Amino acid sequence: MDEASGDMPLPPATFEFFVLSMKTQAEIALGLLQFPGQKLPEPDLRVARHSIDLLAMISDKTRGNLTIDEQRLIENSLTELRF
């Protein structure tokens, strides 16, 4: 925790964190993830599709400007979500 404000520290703003955040949002919307102590949510395919489309747009816009690891991360994330 950040002693000055009492808040939990935020992770660094990285491309990897952004991609994993978008992937997690899509997984939640697909009903693949649940929070502890709660029942599995109903899938919201509209929201899931929107999250996947946003990730695909970022992939298109950043093509040629990513490291090999970053490119693999976004491509693998999109492949997993589209299945």
N, C-alpha and C. Protein backbone atom coordinates (compact mmCIF):
# COMPACT_ATOMS: atom_id res chain seq x y z
N MET A 1 0.83 -1.18 0.00
CA MET A 1 0.00 0.00 0.00
C MET A 1 0.88 1.24 0.00
N ASP A 2 0.38 2.26 -0.64
CA ASP A 2 1.08 3.54 -0.66
C ASP A 2 0.82 4.21 0.68
N GLU A 3 1.86 4.33 1.48
CA GLU A 3 1.69 4.85 2.84
C GLU A 3 1.18 6.28 2.85
N ALA A 4 1.55 7.08 1.89
CA ALA A 4 1.14 8.49 1.87
C ALA A 4 -0.37 8.63 1.66
N SER A 5 -0.95 7.84 0.76
CA SER A 5 -2.37 7.99 0.47
C SER A 5 -3.22 6.86 1.02
N GLY A 6 -2.59 5.75 1.42
CA GLY A 6 -3.34 4.61 1.93
C GLY A 6 -3.90 3.74 0.82
N ASP A 7 -3.59 4.06 -0.44
CA ASP A 7 -4.09 3.30 -1.58
C ASP A 7 -3.10 2.23 -2.01
N MET A 8 -3.63 1.21 -2.66
CA MET A 8 -2.78 0.19 -3.26
C MET A 8 -2.05 0.81 -4.43
N PRO A 9 -0.77 0.48 -4.64
CA PRO A 9 -0.05 1.03 -5.80
C PRO A 9 -0.61 0.45 -7.09
N LEU A 10 -0.63 1.25 -8.12
CA LEU A 10 -1.09 0.80 -9.43
C LEU A 10 0.07 0.19 -10.20
N PRO A 11 -0.23 -0.81 -11.03
CA PRO A 11 0.85 -1.39 -11.83
C PRO A 11 1.31 -0.39 -12.88
N PRO A 12 2.52 -0.57 -13.40
CA PRO A 12 3.00 0.35 -14.43
C PRO A 12 2.12 0.28 -15.67
N ALA A 13 1.97 1.39 -16.34
CA ALA A 13 1.18 1.46 -17.57
C ALA A 13 2.03 0.95 -18.73
N THR A 14 1.90 -0.35 -19.02
CA THR A 14 2.67 -0.97 -20.09
C THR A 14 1.72 -1.51 -21.14
N PHE A 15 2.26 -1.80 -22.31
CA PHE A 15 1.46 -2.40 -23.37
C PHE A 15 0.93 -3.75 -22.93
N GLU A 16 1.78 -4.53 -22.27
CA GLU A 16 1.37 -5.85 -21.80
C GLU A 16 0.21 -5.76 -20.82
N PHE A 17 0.28 -4.81 -19.89
CA PHE A 17 -0.80 -4.65 -18.93
C PHE A 17 -2.09 -4.26 -19.63
N PHE A 18 -1.99 -3.37 -20.62
CA PHE A 18 -3.18 -2.96 -21.37
C PHE A 18 -3.83 -4.15 -22.08
N VAL A 19 -3.02 -4.95 -22.78
CA VAL A 19 -3.56 -6.09 -23.51
C VAL A 19 -4.21 -7.08 -22.54
N LEU A 20 -3.54 -7.38 -21.45
CA LEU A 20 -4.10 -8.33 -20.48
C LEU A 20 -5.36 -7.79 -19.81
N SER A 21 -5.44 -6.48 -19.62
CA SER A 21 -6.65 -5.86 -19.07
C SER A 21 -7.82 -6.02 -20.03
N MET A 22 -7.58 -5.76 -21.32
CA MET A 22 -8.63 -5.91 -22.32
C MET A 22 -9.06 -7.37 -22.44
N LYS A 23 -8.10 -8.27 -22.38
CA LYS A 23 -8.41 -9.70 -22.46
C LYS A 23 -9.27 -10.12 -21.27
N THR A 24 -8.91 -9.66 -20.10
CA THR A 24 -9.68 -10.00 -18.89
C THR A 24 -11.09 -9.45 -18.97
N GLN A 25 -11.25 -8.23 -19.47
CA GLN A 25 -12.60 -7.66 -19.63
C GLN A 25 -13.44 -8.54 -20.55
N ALA A 26 -12.84 -8.98 -21.65
CA ALA A 26 -13.57 -9.84 -22.58
C ALA A 26 -13.91 -11.18 -21.93
N GLU A 27 -12.99 -11.76 -21.18
CA GLU A 27 -13.24 -13.05 -20.51
C GLU A 27 -14.36 -12.93 -19.49
N ILE A 28 -14.41 -11.82 -18.78
CA ILE A 28 -15.49 -11.60 -17.82
C ILE A 28 -16.82 -11.49 -18.58
N ALA A 29 -16.82 -10.72 -19.66
CA ALA A 29 -18.05 -10.55 -20.44
C ALA A 29 -18.51 -11.87 -21.08
N LEU A 30 -17.57 -12.73 -21.40
CA LEU A 30 -17.92 -14.04 -21.96
C LEU A 30 -18.40 -15.02 -20.89
N GLY A 31 -18.27 -14.64 -19.63
CA GLY A 31 -18.68 -15.51 -18.53
C GLY A 31 -17.65 -16.56 -18.20
N LEU A 32 -16.40 -16.32 -18.58
CA LEU A 32 -15.33 -17.30 -18.33
C LEU A 32 -14.67 -17.10 -16.98
N LEU A 33 -14.80 -15.93 -16.40
CA LEU A 33 -14.19 -15.62 -15.11
C LEU A 33 -15.27 -15.18 -14.14
N GLN A 34 -15.04 -15.47 -12.88
CA GLN A 34 -15.96 -15.01 -11.86
C GLN A 34 -15.18 -14.51 -10.66
N PHE A 35 -15.82 -13.68 -9.88
CA PHE A 35 -15.20 -13.17 -8.67
C PHE A 35 -15.47 -14.14 -7.54
N PRO A 36 -14.52 -14.31 -6.62
CA PRO A 36 -14.71 -15.25 -5.51
C PRO A 36 -16.01 -14.96 -4.74
N GLY A 37 -16.73 -16.00 -4.42
CA GLY A 37 -17.95 -15.86 -3.65
C GLY A 37 -19.17 -15.48 -4.46
N GLN A 38 -19.01 -15.34 -5.77
CA GLN A 38 -20.14 -14.98 -6.63
C GLN A 38 -20.38 -16.09 -7.64
N LYS A 39 -21.64 -16.19 -8.09
CA LYS A 39 -21.93 -17.19 -9.11
C LYS A 39 -21.40 -16.72 -10.46
N LEU A 40 -21.22 -17.67 -11.37
CA LEU A 40 -20.71 -17.36 -12.70
C LEU A 40 -21.69 -16.42 -13.40
N PRO A 41 -21.21 -15.28 -13.89
CA PRO A 41 -22.12 -14.32 -14.52
C PRO A 41 -22.63 -14.81 -15.87
N GLU A 42 -23.78 -14.29 -16.26
CA GLU A 42 -24.32 -14.58 -17.58
C GLU A 42 -23.44 -13.90 -18.62
N PRO A 43 -23.15 -14.56 -19.72
CA PRO A 43 -22.34 -13.93 -20.76
C PRO A 43 -23.04 -12.71 -21.36
N ASP A 44 -22.29 -11.68 -21.63
CA ASP A 44 -22.77 -10.50 -22.34
C ASP A 44 -21.96 -10.42 -23.63
N LEU A 45 -22.48 -11.09 -24.66
CA LEU A 45 -21.73 -11.24 -25.90
C LEU A 45 -21.49 -9.91 -26.60
N ARG A 46 -22.39 -8.96 -26.43
CA ARG A 46 -22.22 -7.64 -27.04
C ARG A 46 -20.99 -6.94 -26.47
N VAL A 47 -20.85 -6.95 -25.15
CA VAL A 47 -19.71 -6.32 -24.49
C VAL A 47 -18.43 -7.10 -24.81
N ALA A 48 -18.51 -8.42 -24.82
CA ALA A 48 -17.34 -9.24 -25.15
C ALA A 48 -16.85 -8.92 -26.56
N ARG A 49 -17.76 -8.85 -27.50
CA ARG A 49 -17.40 -8.55 -28.89
C ARG A 49 -16.73 -7.19 -29.00
N HIS A 50 -17.26 -6.22 -28.25
CA HIS A 50 -16.69 -4.87 -28.27
C HIS A 50 -15.25 -4.89 -27.74
N SER A 51 -15.01 -5.60 -26.66
CA SER A 51 -13.66 -5.70 -26.09
C SER A 51 -12.71 -6.37 -27.07
N ILE A 52 -13.16 -7.43 -27.72
CA ILE A 52 -12.34 -8.13 -28.70
C ILE A 52 -12.06 -7.23 -29.90
N ASP A 53 -13.07 -6.50 -30.36
CA ASP A 53 -12.88 -5.58 -31.48
C ASP A 53 -11.90 -4.46 -31.13
N LEU A 54 -11.95 -3.96 -29.90
CA LEU A 54 -11.00 -2.94 -29.47
C LEU A 54 -9.57 -3.48 -29.48
N LEU A 55 -9.40 -4.68 -28.99
CA LEU A 55 -8.08 -5.30 -28.98
C LEU A 55 -7.58 -5.53 -30.41
N ALA A 56 -8.48 -5.93 -31.31
CA ALA A 56 -8.10 -6.12 -32.72
C ALA A 56 -7.71 -4.79 -33.36
N MET A 57 -8.42 -3.73 -33.02
CA MET A 57 -8.09 -2.41 -33.56
C MET A 57 -6.71 -1.97 -33.10
N ILE A 58 -6.39 -2.19 -31.83
CA ILE A 58 -5.07 -1.85 -31.30
C ILE A 58 -4.00 -2.68 -32.02
N SER A 59 -4.29 -3.94 -32.28
CA SER A 59 -3.36 -4.80 -33.00
C SER A 59 -3.08 -4.25 -34.39
N ASP A 60 -4.13 -3.84 -35.09
CA ASP A 60 -3.96 -3.28 -36.43
C ASP A 60 -3.17 -1.97 -36.40
N LYS A 61 -3.49 -1.10 -35.47
CA LYS A 61 -2.86 0.22 -35.41
C LYS A 61 -1.40 0.17 -34.96
N THR A 62 -1.03 -0.88 -34.26
CA THR A 62 0.35 -0.97 -33.75
C THR A 62 1.21 -1.92 -34.57
N ARG A 63 0.64 -2.53 -35.60
CA ARG A 63 1.38 -3.51 -36.41
C ARG A 63 2.67 -2.87 -36.94
N GLY A 64 3.77 -3.56 -36.76
CA GLY A 64 5.06 -3.08 -37.21
C GLY A 64 5.79 -2.23 -36.17
N ASN A 65 5.11 -1.92 -35.06
CA ASN A 65 5.72 -1.08 -34.03
C ASN A 65 5.87 -1.81 -32.69
N LEU A 66 5.66 -3.12 -32.69
CA LEU A 66 5.72 -3.89 -31.45
C LEU A 66 6.94 -4.80 -31.44
N THR A 67 7.36 -5.13 -30.24
CA THR A 67 8.40 -6.15 -30.12
C THR A 67 7.78 -7.50 -30.46
N ILE A 68 8.60 -8.48 -30.67
CA ILE A 68 8.09 -9.82 -30.98
C ILE A 68 7.21 -10.33 -29.84
N ASP A 69 7.64 -10.12 -28.60
CA ASP A 69 6.85 -10.57 -27.45
C ASP A 69 5.51 -9.86 -27.37
N GLU A 70 5.49 -8.56 -27.63
CA GLU A 70 4.24 -7.81 -27.61
C GLU A 70 3.30 -8.29 -28.71
N GLN A 71 3.85 -8.52 -29.90
CA GLN A 71 3.04 -9.00 -31.02
C GLN A 71 2.45 -10.37 -30.71
N ARG A 72 3.25 -11.25 -30.14
CA ARG A 72 2.75 -12.58 -29.78
C ARG A 72 1.65 -12.48 -28.73
N LEU A 73 1.85 -11.62 -27.74
CA LEU A 73 0.86 -11.47 -26.68
C LEU A 73 -0.49 -11.05 -27.24
N ILE A 74 -0.49 -10.04 -28.08
CA ILE A 74 -1.78 -9.55 -28.59
C ILE A 74 -2.40 -10.56 -29.56
N GLU A 75 -1.59 -11.19 -30.40
CA GLU A 75 -2.12 -12.18 -31.33
C GLU A 75 -2.66 -13.40 -30.61
N ASN A 76 -1.92 -13.90 -29.60
CA ASN A 76 -2.38 -15.04 -28.82
C ASN A 76 -3.65 -14.72 -28.04
N SER A 77 -3.70 -13.51 -27.49
CA SER A 77 -4.89 -13.10 -26.74
C SER A 77 -6.11 -13.07 -27.64
N LEU A 78 -5.97 -12.49 -28.84
CA LEU A 78 -7.08 -12.44 -29.77
C LEU A 78 -7.50 -13.85 -30.22
N THR A 79 -6.54 -14.71 -30.48
CA THR A 79 -6.87 -16.08 -30.89
C THR A 79 -7.65 -16.80 -29.80
N GLU A 80 -7.18 -16.71 -28.56
CA GLU A 80 -7.87 -17.35 -27.45
C GLU A 80 -9.28 -16.82 -27.28
N LEU A 81 -9.45 -15.52 -27.37
CA LEU A 81 -10.78 -14.93 -27.18
C LEU A 81 -11.73 -15.29 -28.32
N ARG A 82 -11.22 -15.37 -29.51
CA ARG A 82 -12.08 -15.68 -30.67
C ARG A 82 -12.54 -17.12 -30.67
N PHE A 83 -11.81 -18.01 -30.00
CA PHE A 83 -12.25 -19.40 -29.88
C PHE A 83 -13.43 -19.46 -28.96
